[in-house]
PDB file of N, CA and C in Angstrom:
ATOM      1  N   MET A   1       0.850  -1.170   0.000  1.00  0.00           N
ATOM      2  CA  MET A   1       0.000   0.000   0.000  1.00  0.00           C
ATOM      3  C   MET A   1       0.900   1.238   0.000  1.00  0.00           C
ATOM      4  N   THR A   2       0.516   2.211  -0.797  1.00  0.00           N
ATOM      5  CA  THR A   2       1.315   3.431  -0.888  1.00  0.00           C
ATOM      6  C   THR A   2       1.105   4.297   0.356  1.00  0.00           C
ATOM      7  N   ILE A   3       1.979   5.267   0.534  1.00  0.00           N
ATOM      8  CA  ILE A   3       1.865   6.209   1.650  1.00  0.00           C
ATOM      9  C   ILE A   3       0.548   6.983   1.547  1.00  0.00           C
ATOM     10  N   ALA A   4       0.182   7.378   0.336  1.00  0.00           N
ATOM     11  CA  ALA A   4      -1.067   8.119   0.136  1.00  0.00           C
ATOM     12  C   ALA A   4      -2.269   7.260   0.541  1.00  0.00           C
ATOM     13  N   GLN A   5      -2.265   5.989   0.159  1.00  0.00           N
ATOM     14  CA  GLN A   5      -3.359   5.094   0.531  1.00  0.00           C
ATOM     15  C   GLN A   5      -3.400   4.892   2.047  1.00  0.00           C
ATOM     16  N   GLN A   6      -2.233   4.762   2.661  1.00  0.00           N
ATOM     17  CA  GLN A   6      -2.175   4.612   4.117  1.00  0.00           C
ATOM     18  C   GLN A   6      -2.763   5.841   4.806  1.00  0.00           C
ATOM     19  N   HIS A   7      -2.473   6.999   4.266  1.00  0.00           N
ATOM     20  CA  HIS A   7      -2.998   8.244   4.840  1.00  0.00           C
ATOM     21  C   HIS A   7      -4.526   8.271   4.737  1.00  0.00           C
ATOM     22  N   VAL A   8      -5.054   7.890   3.597  1.00  0.00           N
ATOM     23  CA  VAL A   8      -6.511   7.890   3.378  1.00  0.00           C
ATOM     24  C   VAL A   8      -7.191   6.897   4.316  1.00  0.00           C
ATOM     25  N   LEU A   9      -6.582   5.743   4.513  1.00  0.00           N
ATOM     26  CA  LEU A   9      -7.185   4.683   5.317  1.00  0.00           C
ATOM     27  C   LEU A   9      -6.735   4.694   6.777  1.00  0.00           C
ATOM     28  N   ALA A  10      -6.024   5.716   7.191  1.00  0.00           N
ATOM     29  CA  ALA A  10      -5.501   5.806   8.560  1.00  0.00           C
ATOM     30  C   ALA A  10      -6.563   5.601   9.650  1.00  0.00           C
ATOM     31  N   PRO A  11      -7.793   6.111   9.486  1.00  0.00           N
ATOM     32  CA  PRO A  11      -8.778   5.879  10.553  1.00  0.00           C
ATOM     33  C   PRO A  11      -9.070   4.405  10.822  1.00  0.00           C
ATOM     34  N   LEU A  12      -8.752   3.542   9.880  1.00  0.00           N
ATOM     35  CA  LEU A  12      -9.013   2.106  10.043  1.00  0.00           C
ATOM     36  C   LEU A  12      -7.782   1.319  10.486  1.00  0.00           C
ATOM     37  N   ALA A  13      -6.708   2.007  10.828  1.00  0.00           N
ATOM     38  CA  ALA A  13      -5.447   1.335  11.164  1.00  0.00           C
ATOM     39  C   ALA A  13      -5.605   0.336  12.301  1.00  0.00           C
ATOM     40  N   VAL A  14      -6.402   0.671  13.309  1.00  0.00           N
ATOM     41  CA  VAL A  14      -6.563  -0.217  14.458  1.00  0.00           C
ATOM     42  C   VAL A  14      -7.266  -1.515  14.052  1.00  0.00           C
ATOM     43  N   GLN A  15      -8.244  -1.429  13.154  1.00  0.00           N
ATOM     44  CA  GLN A  15      -8.994  -2.615  12.748  1.00  0.00           C
ATOM     45  C   GLN A  15      -8.352  -3.365  11.580  1.00  0.00           C
ATOM     46  N   TRP A  16      -7.371  -2.787  10.938  1.00  0.00           N
ATOM     47  CA  TRP A  16      -6.830  -3.333   9.696  1.00  0.00           C
ATOM     48  C   TRP A  16      -6.448  -4.806   9.810  1.00  0.00           C
ATOM     49  N   ASP A  17      -5.758  -5.179  10.885  1.00  0.00           N
ATOM     50  CA  ASP A  17      -5.294  -6.561  11.023  1.00  0.00           C
ATOM     51  C   ASP A  17      -6.429  -7.558  11.226  1.00  0.00           C
ATOM     52  N   THR A  18      -7.594  -7.084  11.638  1.00  0.00           N
ATOM     53  CA  THR A  18      -8.722  -7.989  11.865  1.00  0.00           C
ATOM     54  C   THR A  18      -9.634  -8.102  10.649  1.00  0.00           C
ATOM     55  N   MET A  19      -9.373  -7.322   9.609  1.00  0.00           N
ATOM     56  CA  MET A  19     -10.212  -7.337   8.403  1.00  0.00           C
ATOM     57  C   MET A  19      -9.831  -8.496   7.491  1.00  0.00           C
ATOM     58  N   SER A  20     -10.821  -8.946   6.750  1.00  0.00           N
ATOM     59  CA  SER A  20     -10.563 -10.009   5.784  1.00  0.00           C
ATOM     60  C   SER A  20      -9.779  -9.436   4.601  1.00  0.00           C
ATOM     61  N   ALA A  21      -9.191 -10.310   3.837  1.00  0.00           N
ATOM     62  CA  ALA A  21      -8.449  -9.891   2.652  1.00  0.00           C
ATOM     63  C   ALA A  21      -9.368  -9.170   1.661  1.00  0.00           C
ATOM     64  N   LEU A  22     -10.617  -9.632   1.559  1.00  0.00           N
ATOM     65  CA  LEU A  22     -11.576  -8.992   0.669  1.00  0.00           C
ATOM     66  C   LEU A  22     -11.876  -7.554   1.120  1.00  0.00           C
ATOM     67  N   GLN A  23     -12.104  -7.363   2.413  1.00  0.00           N
ATOM     68  CA  GLN A  23     -12.357  -6.018   2.935  1.00  0.00           C
ATOM     69  C   GLN A  23     -11.170  -5.097   2.668  1.00  0.00           C
ATOM     70  N   ARG A  24      -9.978  -5.612   2.920  1.00  0.00           N
ATOM     71  CA  ARG A  24      -8.774  -4.803   2.698  1.00  0.00           C
ATOM     72  C   ARG A  24      -8.636  -4.414   1.234  1.00  0.00           C
ATOM     73  N   SER A  25      -8.845  -5.385   0.342  1.00  0.00           N
ATOM     74  CA  SER A  25      -8.673  -5.082  -1.085  1.00  0.00           C
ATOM     75  C   SER A  25      -9.717  -4.070  -1.555  1.00  0.00           C
ATOM     76  N   ARG A  26     -10.935  -4.153  -1.037  1.00  0.00           N
ATOM     77  CA  ARG A  26     -11.964  -3.168  -1.406  1.00  0.00           C
ATOM     78  C   ARG A  26     -11.585  -1.777  -0.924  1.00  0.00           C
ATOM     79  N   LEU A  27     -11.077  -1.699   0.290  1.00  0.00           N
ATOM     80  CA  LEU A  27     -10.679  -0.401   0.833  1.00  0.00           C
ATOM     81  C   LEU A  27      -9.484   0.183   0.071  1.00  0.00           C
ATOM     82  N   ILE A  28      -8.555  -0.659  -0.290  1.00  0.00           N
ATOM     83  CA  ILE A  28      -7.407  -0.193  -1.085  1.00  0.00           C
ATOM     84  C   ILE A  28      -7.880   0.325  -2.434  1.00  0.00           C
ATOM     85  N   ALA A  29      -8.849  -0.352  -3.032  1.00  0.00           N
ATOM     86  CA  ALA A  29      -9.398   0.100  -4.316  1.00  0.00           C
ATOM     87  C   ALA A  29     -10.050   1.475  -4.167  1.00  0.00           C
ATOM     88  N   VAL A  30     -10.768   1.683  -3.068  1.00  0.00           N
ATOM     89  CA  VAL A  30     -11.368   2.999  -2.828  1.00  0.00           C
ATOM     90  C   VAL A  30     -10.272   4.041  -2.615  1.00  0.00           C
ATOM     91  N   ALA A  31      -9.251   3.682  -1.861  1.00  0.00           N
ATOM     92  CA  ALA A  31      -8.143   4.611  -1.613  1.00  0.00           C
ATOM     93  C   ALA A  31      -7.425   4.986  -2.912  1.00  0.00           C
ATOM     94  N   GLU A  32      -7.381   4.072  -3.865  1.00  0.00           N
ATOM     95  CA  GLU A  32      -6.772   4.374  -5.167  1.00  0.00           C
ATOM     96  C   GLU A  32      -7.588   5.423  -5.924  1.00  0.00           C
ATOM     97  N   GLN A  33      -8.901   5.404  -5.734  1.00  0.00           N
ATOM     98  CA  GLN A  33      -9.783   6.355  -6.412  1.00  0.00           C
ATOM     99  C   GLN A  33      -9.843   7.705  -5.706  1.00  0.00           C
ATOM    100  N   TYR A  34      -9.389   7.760  -4.479  1.00  0.00           N
ATOM    101  CA  TYR A  34      -9.488   8.969  -3.660  1.00  0.00           C
ATOM    102  C   TYR A  34      -8.934  10.221  -4.350  1.00  0.00           C
ATOM    103  N   PRO A  35      -7.752  10.164  -4.971  1.00  0.00           N
ATOM    104  CA  PRO A  35      -7.227  11.376  -5.634  1.00  0.00           C
ATOM    105  C   PRO A  35      -8.114  11.886  -6.770  1.00  0.00           C
ATOM    106  N   LYS A  36      -8.913  11.006  -7.351  1.00  0.00           N
ATOM    107  CA  LYS A  36      -9.776  11.396  -8.466  1.00  0.00           C
ATOM    108  C   LYS A  36     -11.118  11.955  -7.988  1.00  0.00           C
ATOM    109  N   MET A  37     -11.407  11.833  -6.693  1.00  0.00           N
ATOM    110  CA  MET A  37     -12.680  12.291  -6.156  1.00  0.00           C
ATOM    111  C   MET A  37     -12.731  13.823  -6.111  1.00  0.00           C
ATOM    112  N   THR A  38     -13.953  14.329  -6.152  1.00  0.00           N
ATOM    113  CA  THR A  38     -14.137  15.777  -5.969  1.00  0.00           C
ATOM    114  C   THR A  38     -13.850  16.102  -4.501  1.00  0.00           C
ATOM    115  N   PRO A  39     -13.560  17.349  -4.203  1.00  0.00           N
ATOM    116  CA  PRO A  39     -13.337  17.719  -2.796  1.00  0.00           C
ATOM    117  C   PRO A  39     -14.528  17.353  -1.901  1.00  0.00           C
ATOM    118  N   GLN A  40     -15.729  17.511  -2.423  1.00  0.00           N
ATOM    119  CA  GLN A  40     -16.922  17.174  -1.658  1.00  0.00           C
ATOM    120  C   GLN A  40     -16.982  15.661  -1.389  1.00  0.00           C
ATOM    121  N   ALA A  41     -16.663  14.862  -2.384  1.00  0.00           N
ATOM    122  CA  ALA A  41     -16.669  13.409  -2.215  1.00  0.00           C
ATOM    123  C   ALA A  41     -15.579  12.973  -1.240  1.00  0.00           C
ATOM    124  N   ARG A  42     -14.434  13.627  -1.281  1.00  0.00           N
ATOM    125  CA  ARG A  42     -13.355  13.307  -0.336  1.00  0.00           C
ATOM    126  C   ARG A  42     -13.783  13.590   1.103  1.00  0.00           C
ATOM    127  N   LEU A  43     -14.409  14.729   1.295  1.00  0.00           N
ATOM    128  CA  LEU A  43     -14.871  15.092   2.632  1.00  0.00           C
ATOM    129  C   LEU A  43     -15.899  14.082   3.136  1.00  0.00           C
ATOM    130  N   ARG A  44     -16.818  13.722   2.279  1.00  0.00           N
ATOM    131  CA  ARG A  44     -17.844  12.733   2.634  1.00  0.00           C
ATOM    132  C   ARG A  44     -17.189  11.398   2.988  1.00  0.00           C
ATOM    133  N   PHE A  45     -16.228  10.969   2.183  1.00  0.00           N
ATOM    134  CA  PHE A  45     -15.529   9.716   2.439  1.00  0.00           C
ATOM    135  C   PHE A  45     -14.825   9.766   3.791  1.00  0.00           C
ATOM    136  N   GLN A  46     -14.111  10.853   4.073  1.00  0.00           N
ATOM    137  CA  GLN A  46     -13.376  10.962   5.334  1.00  0.00           C
ATOM    138  C   GLN A  46     -14.313  10.954   6.540  1.00  0.00           C
ATOM    139  N   LYS A  47     -15.436  11.639   6.433  1.00  0.00           N
ATOM    140  CA  LYS A  47     -16.402  11.631   7.537  1.00  0.00           C
ATOM    141  C   LYS A  47     -16.938  10.233   7.777  1.00  0.00           C
ATOM    142  N   ARG A  48     -17.266   9.549   6.684  1.00  0.00           N
ATOM    143  CA  ARG A  48     -17.845   8.214   6.822  1.00  0.00           C
ATOM    144  C   ARG A  48     -16.846   7.191   7.334  1.00  0.00           C
ATOM    145  N   ILE A  49     -15.614   7.272   6.876  1.00  0.00           N
ATOM    146  CA  ILE A  49     -14.625   6.288   7.319  1.00  0.00           C
ATOM    147  C   ILE A  49     -14.292   6.503   8.794  1.00  0.00           C
ATOM    148  N   LYS A  50     -14.272   7.754   9.241  1.00  0.00           N
ATOM    149  CA  LYS A  50     -14.026   8.017  10.665  1.00  0.00           C
ATOM    150  C   LYS A  50     -15.188   7.535  11.524  1.00  0.00           C
ATOM    151  N   ALA A  51     -16.414   7.766  11.048  1.00  0.00           N
ATOM    152  CA  ALA A  51     -17.587   7.296  11.793  1.00  0.00           C
ATOM    153  C   ALA A  51     -17.588   5.770  11.861  1.00  0.00           C
ATOM    154  N   TRP A  52     -17.269   5.124  10.743  1.00  0.00           N
ATOM    155  CA  TRP A  52     -17.236   3.660  10.687  1.00  0.00           C
ATOM    156  C   TRP A  52     -16.180   3.113  11.642  1.00  0.00           C
ATOM    157  N   ALA A  53     -15.021   3.747  11.668  1.00  0.00           N
ATOM    158  CA  ALA A  53     -13.933   3.280  12.520  1.00  0.00           C
ATOM    159  C   ALA A  53     -14.286   3.402  14.004  1.00  0.00           C
ATOM    160  N   SER A  54     -15.166   4.342  14.335  1.00  0.00           N
ATOM    161  CA  SER A  54     -15.525   4.538  15.738  1.00  0.00           C
ATOM    162  C   SER A  54     -16.590   3.552  16.227  1.00  0.00           C
ATOM    163  N   LEU A  55     -17.185   2.798  15.315  1.00  0.00           N
ATOM    164  CA  LEU A  55     -18.213   1.844  15.703  1.00  0.00           C
ATOM    165  C   LEU A  55     -17.595   0.586  16.314  1.00  0.00           C
ATOM    166  N   SER A  56     -18.343  -0.024  17.215  1.00  0.00           N
ATOM    167  CA  SER A  56     -17.908  -1.306  17.771  1.00  0.00           C
ATOM    168  C   SER A  56     -18.154  -2.394  16.724  1.00  0.00           C
ATOM    169  N   ARG A  57     -17.618  -3.555  16.949  1.00  0.00           N
ATOM    170  CA  ARG A  57     -17.808  -4.674  16.026  1.00  0.00           C
ATOM    171  C   ARG A  57     -19.299  -4.997  15.875  1.00  0.00           C
ATOM    172  N   GLU A  58     -20.035  -4.968  16.988  1.00  0.00           N
ATOM    173  CA  GLU A  58     -21.472  -5.266  16.958  1.00  0.00           C
ATOM    174  C   GLU A  58     -22.228  -4.193  16.168  1.00  0.00           C
ATOM    175  N   GLU A  59     -21.847  -2.931  16.352  1.00  0.00           N
ATOM    176  CA  GLU A  59     -22.505  -1.852  15.624  1.00  0.00           C
ATOM    177  C   GLU A  59     -22.239  -1.948  14.123  1.00  0.00           C
ATOM    178  N   ARG A  60     -21.027  -2.320  13.746  1.00  0.00           N
ATOM    179  CA  ARG A  60     -20.722  -2.493  12.324  1.00  0.00           C
ATOM    180  C   ARG A  60     -21.519  -3.651  11.738  1.00  0.00           C
ATOM    181  N   LYS A  61     -21.645  -4.730  12.506  1.00  0.00           N
ATOM    182  CA  LYS A  61     -22.426  -5.882  12.049  1.00  0.00           C
ATOM    183  C   LYS A  61     -23.882  -5.479  11.831  1.00  0.00           C
ATOM    184  N   GLU A  62     -24.443  -4.726  12.778  1.00  0.00           N
ATOM    185  CA  GLU A  62     -25.831  -4.288  12.641  1.00  0.00           C
ATOM    186  C   GLU A  62     -25.991  -3.325  11.466  1.00  0.00           C
ATOM    187  N   ALA A  63     -25.023  -2.446  11.257  1.00  0.00           N
ATOM    188  CA  ALA A  63     -25.085  -1.518  10.128  1.00  0.00           C
ATOM    189  C   ALA A  63     -25.063  -2.277   8.805  1.00  0.00           C
ATOM    190  N   ARG A  64     -24.235  -3.311   8.707  1.00  0.00           N
ATOM    191  CA  ARG A  64     -24.187  -4.123   7.484  1.00  0.00           C
ATOM    192  C   ARG A  64     -25.528  -4.809   7.229  1.00  0.00           C
ATOM    193  N   GLU A  65     -26.127  -5.330   8.302  1.00  0.00           N
ATOM    194  CA  GLU A  65     -27.411  -6.008   8.151  1.00  0.00           C
ATOM    195  C   GLU A  65     -28.499  -5.011   7.735  1.00  0.00           C
ATOM    196  N   ASN A  66     -28.492  -3.817   8.319  1.00  0.00           N
ATOM    197  CA  ASN A  66     -29.455  -2.793   7.908  1.00  0.00           C
ATOM    198  C   ASN A  66     -29.271  -2.442   6.431  1.00  0.00           C
ATOM    199  N   TYR A  67     -28.027  -2.372   5.987  1.00  0.00           N
ATOM    200  CA  TYR A  67     -27.735  -2.077   4.589  1.00  0.00           C
ATOM    201  C   TYR A  67     -28.318  -3.162   3.687  1.00  0.00           C
ATOM    202  N   ARG A  68     -28.092  -4.423   4.063  1.00  0.00           N
ATOM    203  CA  ARG A  68     -28.625  -5.536   3.262  1.00  0.00           C
ATOM    204  C   ARG A  68     -30.150  -5.493   3.202  1.00  0.00           C
ATOM    205  N   LYS A  69     -30.776  -5.263   4.356  1.00  0.00           N
ATOM    206  CA  LYS A  69     -32.239  -5.200   4.402  1.00  0.00           C
ATOM    207  C   LYS A  69     -32.765  -4.060   3.544  1.00  0.00           C
ATOM    208  N   PHE A  70     -32.111  -2.923   3.631  1.00  0.00           N
ATOM    209  CA  PHE A  70     -32.532  -1.761   2.856  1.00  0.00           C
ATOM    210  C   PHE A  70     -32.497  -2.062   1.362  1.00  0.00           C
ATOM    211  N   HIS A  71     -31.444  -2.702   0.903  1.00  0.00           N
ATOM    212  CA  HIS A  71     -31.298  -2.979  -0.523  1.00  0.00           C
ATOM    213  C   HIS A  71     -32.175  -4.134  -1.012  1.00  0.00           C
ATOM    214  N   ARG A  72     -32.789  -4.875  -0.100  1.00  0.00           N
ATOM    215  CA  ARG A  72     -33.745  -5.905  -0.494  1.00  0.00           C
ATOM    216  C   ARG A  72     -35.147  -5.331  -0.659  1.00  0.00           C
ATOM    217  N   LEU A  73     -35.366  -4.123  -0.154  1.00  0.00           N
ATOM    218  CA  LEU A  73     -36.686  -3.505  -0.253  1.00  0.00           C
ATOM    219  C   LEU A  73     -36.996  -3.125  -1.698  1.00  0.00           C
ATOM    220  N   PRO A  74     -38.277  -3.053  -2.031  1.00  0.00           N
ATOM    221  CA  PRO A  74     -38.656  -2.564  -3.359  1.00  0.00           C
ATOM    222  C   PRO A  74     -38.185  -1.111  -3.538  1.00  0.00           C
ATOM    223  N   GLU A  75     -37.918  -0.739  -4.769  1.00  0.00           N
ATOM    224  CA  GLU A  75     -37.379   0.584  -5.086  1.00  0.00           C
ATOM    225  C   GLU A  75     -38.223   1.722  -4.488  1.00  0.00           C
ATOM    226  N   LYS A  76     -39.537   1.605  -4.558  1.00  0.00           N
ATOM    227  CA  LYS A  76     -40.406   2.671  -4.030  1.00  0.00           C
ATOM    228  C   LYS A  76     -40.198   2.862  -2.532  1.00  0.00           C
ATOM    229  N   GLN A  77     -40.058   1.782  -1.805  1.00  0.00           N
ATOM    230  CA  GLN A  77     -39.832   1.886  -0.368  1.00  0.00           C
ATOM    231  C   GLN A  77     -38.461   2.494  -0.071  1.00  0.00           C
ATOM    232  N   ARG A  78     -37.447   2.104  -0.838  1.00  0.00           N
ATOM    233  CA  ARG A  78     -36.108   2.685  -0.638  1.00  0.00           C
ATOM    234  C   ARG A  78     -36.134   4.187  -0.886  1.00  0.00           C
ATOM    235  N   GLU A  79     -36.806   4.599  -1.963  1.00  0.00           N
ATOM    236  CA  GLU A  79     -36.890   6.024  -2.276  1.00  0.00           C
ATOM    237  C   GLU A  79     -37.618   6.792  -1.180  1.00  0.00           C
ATOM    238  N   ALA A  80     -38.679   6.214  -0.643  1.00  0.00           N
ATOM    239  CA  ALA A  80     -39.428   6.870   0.434  1.00  0.00           C
ATOM    240  C   ALA A  80     -38.556   7.030   1.675  1.00  0.00           C
ATOM    241  N   ILE A  81     -37.784   6.007   1.997  1.00  0.00           N
ATOM    242  CA  ILE A  81     -36.872   6.080   3.143  1.00  0.00           C
ATOM    243  C   ILE A  81     -35.811   7.143   2.904  1.00  0.00           C
ATOM    244  N   LYS A  82     -35.265   7.187   1.696  1.00  0.00           N
ATOM    245  CA  LYS A  82     -34.250   8.196   1.369  1.00  0.00           C
ATOM    246  C   LYS A  82     -34.811   9.604   1.512  1.00  0.00           C
ATOM    247  N   ARG A  83     -36.035   9.815   1.019  1.00  0.00           N
ATOM    248  CA  ARG A  83     -36.651  11.150   1.118  1.00  0.00           C
ATOM    249  C   ARG A  83     -36.854  11.549   2.575  1.00  0.00           C
ATOM    250  N   ARG A  84     -37.359  10.613   3.386  1.00  0.00           N
ATOM    251  CA  ARG A  84     -37.557  10.913   4.812  1.00  0.00           C
ATOM    252  C   ARG A  84     -36.235  11.213   5.487  1.00  0.00           C
ATOM    253  N   TRP A  85     -35.198  10.454   5.145  1.00  0.00           N
ATOM    254  CA  TRP A  85     -33.888  10.656   5.749  1.00  0.00           C
ATOM    255  C   TRP A  85     -33.322  12.025   5.364  1.00  0.00           C
ATOM    256  N   GLU A  86     -33.425  12.380   4.092  1.00  0.00           N
ATOM    257  CA  GLU A  86     -32.918  13.676   3.635  1.00  0.00           C
ATOM    258  C   GLU A  86     -33.669  14.818   4.295  1.00  0.00           C
ATOM    259  N   ALA A  87     -34.984  14.690   4.439  1.00  0.00           N
ATOM    260  CA  ALA A  87     -35.780  15.730   5.099  1.00  0.00           C
ATOM    261  C   ALA A  87     -35.359  15.869   6.561  1.00  0.00           C
ATOM    262  N   LYS A  88     -35.125  14.750   7.203  1.00  0.00           N
ATOM    263  CA  LYS A  88     -34.697  14.763   8.603  1.00  0.00           C
ATOM    264  C   LYS A  88     -33.325  15.435   8.732  1.00  0.00           C
ATOM    265  N   GLN A  89     -32.425  15.125   7.795  1.00  0.00           N
ATOM    266  CA  GLN A  89     -31.092  15.713   7.833  1.00  0.00           C
ATOM    267  C   GLN A  89     -31.144  17.221   7.631  1.00  0.00           C
ATOM    268  N   GLN A  90     -31.948  17.687   6.694  1.00  0.00           N
ATOM    269  CA  GLN A  90     -32.044  19.118   6.432  1.00  0.00           C
ATOM    270  C   GLN A  90     -32.692  19.847   7.596  1.00  0.00           C
ATOM    271  N   ALA A  91     -33.656  19.224   8.245  1.00  0.00           N
ATOM    272  CA  ALA A  91     -34.335  19.852   9.374  1.00  0.00           C
ATOM    273  C   ALA A  91     -33.415  19.968  10.583  1.00  0.00           C
ATOM    274  N   GLY A  92     -32.516  19.001  10.731  1.00  0.00           N
ATOM    275  CA  GLY A  92     -31.647  18.979  11.902  1.00  0.00           C
ATOM    276  C   GLY A  92     -30.298  19.631  11.703  1.00  0.00           C
ATOM    277  N   HIS A  93     -29.984  20.108  10.500  1.00  0.00           N
ATOM    278  CA  HIS A  93     -28.678  20.699  10.186  1.00  0.00           C
ATOM    279  C   HIS A  93     -27.546  19.819  10.712  1.00  0.00           C
ATOM    280  N   PRO A  94     -27.354  18.623  10.141  1.00  0.00           N
ATOM    281  CA  PRO A  94     -26.390  17.655  10.665  1.00  0.00           C
ATOM    282  C   PRO A  94     -24.945  18.134  10.649  1.00  0.00           C
ATOM    283  N   GLU A  95     -24.631  19.150   9.857  1.00  0.00           N
ATOM    284  CA  GLU A  95     -23.241  19.592   9.830  1.00  0.00           C
ATOM    285  C   GLU A  95     -22.818  20.186  11.168  1.00  0.00           C
ATOM    286  N   ASN A  96     -23.788  20.603  11.987  1.00  0.00           N
ATOM    287  CA  ASN A  96     -23.486  21.160  13.295  1.00  0.00           C
ATOM    288  C   ASN A  96     -23.605  20.129  14.410  1.00  0.00           C
ATOM    289  N   ALA A  97     -24.145  18.987  14.100  1.00  0.00           N
ATOM    290  CA  ALA A  97     -24.366  17.958  15.107  1.00  0.00           C
ATOM    291  C   ALA A  97     -23.224  16.952  15.100  1.00  0.00           C
ATOM    292  N   ALA A  98     -23.144  16.196  16.171  1.00  0.00           N
ATOM    293  CA  ALA A  98     -22.147  15.124  16.232  1.00  0.00           C
ATOM    294  C   ALA A  98     -22.525  14.054  15.216  1.00  0.00           C
ATOM    295  N   PRO A  99     -21.541  13.375  14.612  1.00  0.00           N
ATOM    296  CA  PRO A  99     -21.868  12.350  13.622  1.00  0.00           C
ATOM    297  C   PRO A  99     -22.710  11.254  14.259  1.00  0.00           C
ATOM    298  N   MET A 100     -23.700  10.806  13.503  1.00  0.00           N
ATOM    299  CA  MET A 100     -24.568   9.743  13.993  1.00  0.00           C
ATOM    300  C   MET A 100     -24.028   8.406  13.528  1.00  0.00           C
ATOM    301  N   LYS A 101     -24.203   7.418  14.344  1.00  0.00           N
ATOM    302  CA  LYS A 101     -23.789   6.076  13.973  1.00  0.00           C
ATOM    303  C   LYS A 101     -24.834   5.482  13.035  1.00  0.00           C
ATOM    304  N   PRO A 102     -24.440   4.588  12.131  1.00  0.00           N
ATOM    305  CA  PRO A 102     -25.396   4.018  11.184  1.00  0.00           C
ATOM    306  C   PRO A 102     -26.627   3.406  11.839  1.00  0.00           C
ATOM    307  N   ILE A 103     -26.460   2.738  12.979  1.00  0.00           N
ATOM    308  CA  ILE A 103     -27.628   2.120  13.591  1.00  0.00           C
ATOM    309  C   ILE A 103     -28.578   3.173  14.142  1.00  0.00           C
ATOM    310  N   ASP A 104     -28.088   4.382  14.415  1.00  0.00           N
ATOM    311  CA  ASP A 104     -28.958   5.455  14.875  1.00  0.00           C
ATOM    312  C   ASP A 104     -29.657   6.120  13.704  1.00  0.00           C
ATOM    313  N   LYS A 105     -29.060   6.034  12.536  1.00  0.00           N
ATOM    314  CA  LYS A 105     -29.595   6.714  11.363  1.00  0.00           C
ATOM    315  C   LYS A 105     -30.844   6.040  10.825  1.00  0.00           C
ATOM    316  N   MET A 106     -30.858   4.727  10.858  1.00  0.00           N
ATOM    317  CA  MET A 106     -31.957   4.018  10.228  1.00  0.00           C
ATOM    318  C   MET A 106     -32.445   2.932  11.172  1.00  0.00           C
ATOM    319  N   PRO A 107     -33.725   2.950  11.531  1.00  0.00           N
ATOM    320  CA  PRO A 107     -34.219   1.898  12.418  1.00  0.00           C
ATOM    321  C   PRO A 107     -34.135   0.541  11.721  1.00  0.00           C
ATOM    322  N   ALA A 108     -34.153  -0.490  12.524  1.00  0.00           N
ATOM    323  CA  ALA A 108     -34.123  -1.836  11.963  1.00  0.00           C
ATOM    324  C   ALA A 108     -35.282  -1.994  10.992  1.00  0.00           C
ATOM    325  N   LEU A 109     -34.998  -2.563   9.868  1.00  0.00           N
ATOM    326  CA  LEU A 109     -36.011  -2.718   8.832  1.00  0.00           C
ATOM    327  C   LEU A 109     -36.638  -4.094   8.912  1.00  0.00           C
ATOM    328  N   THR A 110     -37.899  -4.144   8.556  1.00  0.00           N
ATOM    329  CA  THR A 110     -38.554  -5.430   8.417  1.00  0.00           C
ATOM    330  C   THR A 110     -39.006  -5.546   6.981  1.00  0.00           C
ATOM    331  N   LEU A 111     -38.819  -6.700   6.433  1.00  0.00           N
ATOM    332  CA  LEU A 111     -39.211  -6.906   5.042  1.00  0.00           C
ATOM    333  C   LEU A 111     -40.717  -7.088   4.955  1.00  0.00           C
ATOM    334  N   PRO A 112     -41.346  -6.530   3.929  1.00  0.00           N
ATOM    335  CA  PRO A 112     -42.790  -6.683   3.795  1.00  0.00           C
ATOM    336  C   PRO A 112     -43.164  -8.134   3.517  1.00  0.00           C
ATOM    337  N   VAL A 113     -44.291  -8.521   4.031  1.00  0.00           N
ATOM    338  CA  VAL A 113     -44.795  -9.876   3.805  1.00  0.00           C
ATOM    339  C   VAL A 113     -45.491  -9.881   2.452  1.00  0.00           C
ATOM    340  N   GLN A 114     -45.088 -10.797   1.618  1.00  0.00           N
ATOM    341  CA  GLN A 114     -45.678 -10.911   0.289  1.00  0.00           C
ATOM    342  C   GLN A 114     -46.969 -11.721   0.384  1.00  0.00           C
ATOM    343  N   PRO A 115     -48.050 -11.254  -0.239  1.00  0.00           N
ATOM    344  CA  PRO A 115     -49.302 -12.034  -0.208  1.00  0.00           C
ATOM    345  C   PRO A 115     -49.117 -13.371  -0.914  1.00  0.00           C
ATOM    346  N   SER A 116     -49.800 -14.380  -0.394  1.00  0.00           N
ATOM    347  CA  SER A 116     -49.676 -15.721  -1.001  1.00  0.00           C
ATOM    348  C   SER A 116     -50.597 -15.880  -2.165  1.00  0.00           C
TER     349      SER A 116
END
């Protein structure tokens, strides 16, 4: 890993040795793209990687499961959740608030029951 990539991924240094090879390779791939990102995308990436690094193992596991559940939902439901989330963010001015953990951002999802 280059010095630049190490700098980008520094917030994950403590967890690095416990990550799978697949996780590491994905993160390195993102770090390779970092110089090509817009300043806004870089800032977003840095905020998210720091928030992720601050989560406990259990919180990261729950965040991953919420992500999977969200992406299994029908498109209309995902869009509705996104709109509600964006409205909540704009109302609360999140740039002035402490970063929220992923499990605080989105309640546990339940998949809709399909009629038989």
